[in-house]
C-alpha atoms as a PDB file:
ATOM      1  CA  MET A   1       0.000   0.000   0.000  1.00  0.00           C
ATOM      2  CA  GLU A   2       1.327   3.419  -0.868  1.00  0.00           C
ATOM      3  CA  PHE A   3       1.412   6.306   1.567  1.00  0.00           C
ATOM      4  CA  LEU A   4       2.206   9.974   1.144  1.00  0.00           C
ATOM      5  CA  PHE A   5       4.501  11.128   3.932  1.00  0.00           C
ATOM      6  CA  ILE A   6       4.844  14.878   4.509  1.00  0.00           C
ATOM      7  CA  ASN A   7       7.353  16.163   7.018  1.00  0.00           C
ATOM      8  CA  ARG A   8       8.045  19.664   8.249  1.00  0.00           C
ATOM      9  CA  THR A   9      11.303  20.419  10.001  1.00  0.00           C
ATOM     10  CA  LYS A  10      10.766  21.807  13.496  1.00  0.00           C
ATOM     11  CA  ASP A  11      12.488  25.082  14.330  1.00  0.00           C
ATOM     12  CA  VAL A  12      14.292  23.361  17.213  1.00  0.00           C
ATOM     13  CA  PHE A  13      16.418  21.537  14.593  1.00  0.00           C
ATOM     14  CA  LEU A  14      17.720  24.881  13.356  1.00  0.00           C
ATOM     15  CA  MET A  15      18.776  25.786  16.900  1.00  0.00           C
ATOM     16  CA  LEU A  16      21.168  22.842  17.087  1.00  0.00           C
ATOM     17  CA  PRO A  17      24.872  23.404  16.433  1.00  0.00           C
ATOM     18  CA  LEU A  18      25.706  23.085  12.728  1.00  0.00           C
ATOM     19  CA  GLU A  19      27.862  20.016  13.362  1.00  0.00           C
ATOM     20  CA  GLN A  20      24.920  18.228  14.997  1.00  0.00           C
ATOM     21  CA  GLN A  21      22.547  19.297  12.214  1.00  0.00           C
ATOM     22  CA  ALA A  22      24.978  17.907   9.621  1.00  0.00           C
ATOM     23  CA  GLN A  23      25.333  14.620  11.511  1.00  0.00           C
ATOM     24  CA  ILE A  24      21.564  14.194  11.776  1.00  0.00           C
ATOM     25  CA  MET A  25      21.057  15.014   8.098  1.00  0.00           C
ATOM     26  CA  ASP A  26      23.788  12.536   7.071  1.00  0.00           C
ATOM     27  CA  GLY A  27      21.974   9.853   9.058  1.00  0.00           C
ATOM     28  CA  SER A  28      18.635  10.834   7.560  1.00  0.00           C
ATOM     29  CA  ASN A  29      20.083  10.700   4.024  1.00  0.00           C
ATOM     30  CA  ALA A  30      21.490   7.219   4.739  1.00  0.00           C
ATOM     31  CA  PHE A  31      18.027   6.168   5.983  1.00  0.00           C
ATOM     32  CA  ILE A  32      16.370   7.426   2.779  1.00  0.00           C
ATOM     33  CA  GLU A  33      19.005   5.782   0.558  1.00  0.00           C
ATOM     34  CA  LYS A  34      18.573   2.456   2.381  1.00  0.00           C
ATOM     35  CA  TYR A  35      14.830   2.376   1.762  1.00  0.00           C
ATOM     36  CA  ALA A  36      15.081   3.812  -1.761  1.00  0.00           C
ATOM     37  CA  LYS A  37      17.386   0.902  -2.705  1.00  0.00           C
ATOM     38  CA  LYS A  38      14.869  -1.557  -1.222  1.00  0.00           C
ATOM     39  CA  GLY A  39      12.063   0.092  -3.208  1.00  0.00           C
ATOM     40  CA  THR A  40      10.185   1.083  -0.057  1.00  0.00           C
ATOM     41  CA  CYS A  41      10.754   4.817  -0.569  1.00  0.00           C
ATOM     42  CA  LYS A  42       9.446   5.328  -4.104  1.00  0.00           C
ATOM     43  CA  GLU A  43       9.952   9.061  -4.551  1.00  0.00           C
ATOM     44  CA  ILE A  44      10.927  12.070  -2.484  1.00  0.00           C
ATOM     45  CA  TRP A  45      10.694  15.811  -3.085  1.00  0.00           C
ATOM     46  CA  ALA A  46      11.867  18.803  -1.105  1.00  0.00           C
ATOM     47  CA  ILE A  47       9.228  21.435  -0.336  1.00  0.00           C
ATOM     48  CA  PRO A  48      11.201  24.588   0.470  1.00  0.00           C
ATOM     49  CA  SER A  49       8.128  26.665   1.340  1.00  0.00           C
ATOM     50  CA  ILE A  50       7.371  24.415   4.335  1.00  0.00           C
ATOM     51  CA  LYS A  51      10.980  23.554   5.247  1.00  0.00           C
ATOM     52  CA  GLY A  52      10.215  19.918   4.619  1.00  0.00           C
ATOM     53  CA  ALA A  53       9.666  17.127   2.165  1.00  0.00           C
ATOM     54  CA  ALA A  54       7.042  14.856   0.652  1.00  0.00           C
ATOM     55  CA  SER A  55       7.687  11.238  -0.193  1.00  0.00           C
ATOM     56  CA  ILE A  56       5.831   8.140  -1.380  1.00  0.00           C
ATOM     57  CA  TRP A  57       6.379   4.961   0.641  1.00  0.00           C
ATOM     58  CA  ASP A  58       5.267   1.432  -0.241  1.00  0.00           C
ATOM     59  CA  VAL A  59       4.566  -0.315   3.079  1.00  0.00           C
ATOM     60  CA  LYS A  60       1.953  -2.793   4.296  1.00  0.00           C
ATOM     61  CA  SER A  61       0.378  -0.403   6.792  1.00  0.00           C
ATOM     62  CA  ALA A  62       0.697   2.995   8.456  1.00  0.00           C
ATOM     63  CA  GLU A  63       2.027   1.162  11.507  1.00  0.00           C
ATOM     64  CA  GLU A  64       4.842  -0.376   9.453  1.00  0.00           C
ATOM     65  CA  GLY A  65       5.696   3.049   8.040  1.00  0.00           C
ATOM     66  CA  ALA A  66       5.722   4.629  11.498  1.00  0.00           C
ATOM     67  CA  SER A  67       7.962   1.814  12.712  1.00  0.00           C
ATOM     68  CA  LEU A  68      10.398   2.431   9.847  1.00  0.00           C
ATOM     69  CA  PHE A  69      10.564   6.123  10.613  1.00  0.00           C
ATOM     70  CA  ARG A  70      11.699   5.447  14.161  1.00  0.00           C
ATOM     71  CA  GLU A  71      15.004   4.451  12.515  1.00  0.00           C
ATOM     72  CA  ASN A  72      15.437   7.904  10.989  1.00  0.00           C
ATOM     73  CA  PRO A  73      17.660  10.033  13.254  1.00  0.00           C
ATOM     74  CA  ALA A  74      15.834  13.182  12.078  1.00  0.00           C
ATOM     75  CA  THR A  75      12.360  11.959  13.133  1.00  0.00           C
ATOM     76  CA  PRO A  76      12.382  13.787  16.518  1.00  0.00           C
ATOM     77  CA  PHE A  77      12.914  17.023  14.589  1.00  0.00           C
ATOM     78  CA  PHE A  78       9.892  16.555  12.266  1.00  0.00           C
ATOM     79  CA  ASP A  79       6.207  17.204  12.441  1.00  0.00           C
ATOM     80  CA  PHE A  80       4.786  14.669  10.028  1.00  0.00           C
ATOM     81  CA  GLU A  81       1.607  13.361   8.462  1.00  0.00           C
ATOM     82  CA  TRP A  82       0.752  10.048   6.736  1.00  0.00           C
ATOM     83  CA  TYR A  83      -1.915   9.723   4.067  1.00  0.00           C
ATOM     84  CA  ALA A  84      -2.986   6.413   2.526  1.00  0.00           C
ATOM     85  CA  LEU A  85      -3.154   6.699  -1.269  1.00  0.00           C
ATOM     86  CA  SER A  86      -5.579   4.971  -3.604  1.00  0.00           C
ATOM     87  CA  ASP A  87      -5.550   4.721  -7.367  1.00  0.00           C
ATOM     88  CA  PHE A  88      -7.504   7.676  -8.759  1.00  0.00           C
ATOM     89  CA  SER A  89      -9.158   5.863 -11.682  1.00  0.00           C
ATOM     90  CA  THR A  90     -10.267   2.976  -9.439  1.00  0.00           C
ATOM     91  CA  GLN A  91     -11.684   5.472  -6.935  1.00  0.00           C
ATOM     92  CA  MET A  92     -13.587   7.342  -9.658  1.00  0.00           C
ATOM     93  CA  LYS A  93     -15.035   4.121 -11.124  1.00  0.00           C
ATOM     94  CA  GLY A  94     -16.283   3.144  -7.673  1.00  0.00           C
ATOM     95  CA  GLN A  95     -17.883   6.530  -7.141  1.00  0.00           C
ATOM     96  CA  SER A  96     -19.540   6.380 -10.564  1.00  0.00           C
ATOM     97  CA  GLN A  97     -21.026   2.976  -9.722  1.00  0.00           C
ATOM     98  CA  ILE A  98     -22.420   4.313  -6.445  1.00  0.00           C
ATOM     99  CA  TYR A  99     -24.056   7.270  -8.198  1.00  0.00           C
ATOM    100  CA  LYS A 100     -25.589   4.960 -10.824  1.00  0.00           C
ATOM    101  CA  LYS A 101     -27.079   2.761  -8.088  1.00  0.00           C
ATOM    102  CA  LEU A 102     -28.426   5.792  -6.202  1.00  0.00           C
ATOM    103  CA  LEU A 103     -29.929   7.283  -9.346  1.00  0.00           C
ATOM    104  CA  ALA A 104     -31.504   3.934 -10.317  1.00  0.00           C
ATOM    105  CA  LYS A 105     -33.421   3.947  -6.998  1.00  0.00           C
ATOM    106  CA  LYS A 106     -35.162   7.264  -7.835  1.00  0.00           C
END
């Protein structure tokens, strides 16, 4: 199942000494590379306007994704959100079928 993960860097991260920031970011980059190679992290984009990133993760559940992110050394410095994704065309077909059934009952 694919999930959209959006993270925003907390201001407290920017208050850390530069050396510590660099160390945390190196660890976070290694985390992303590890799961990109496994195919778990499908895509990732920086979002400069929110001081954060958006990424697509292929995991079995939100719980599995949350468990993975505990490995990321930058996680304590993020506010983050998970959204389950569904295929748009499949979703639209399902909605169309529901409307047809509702209209047939009129």
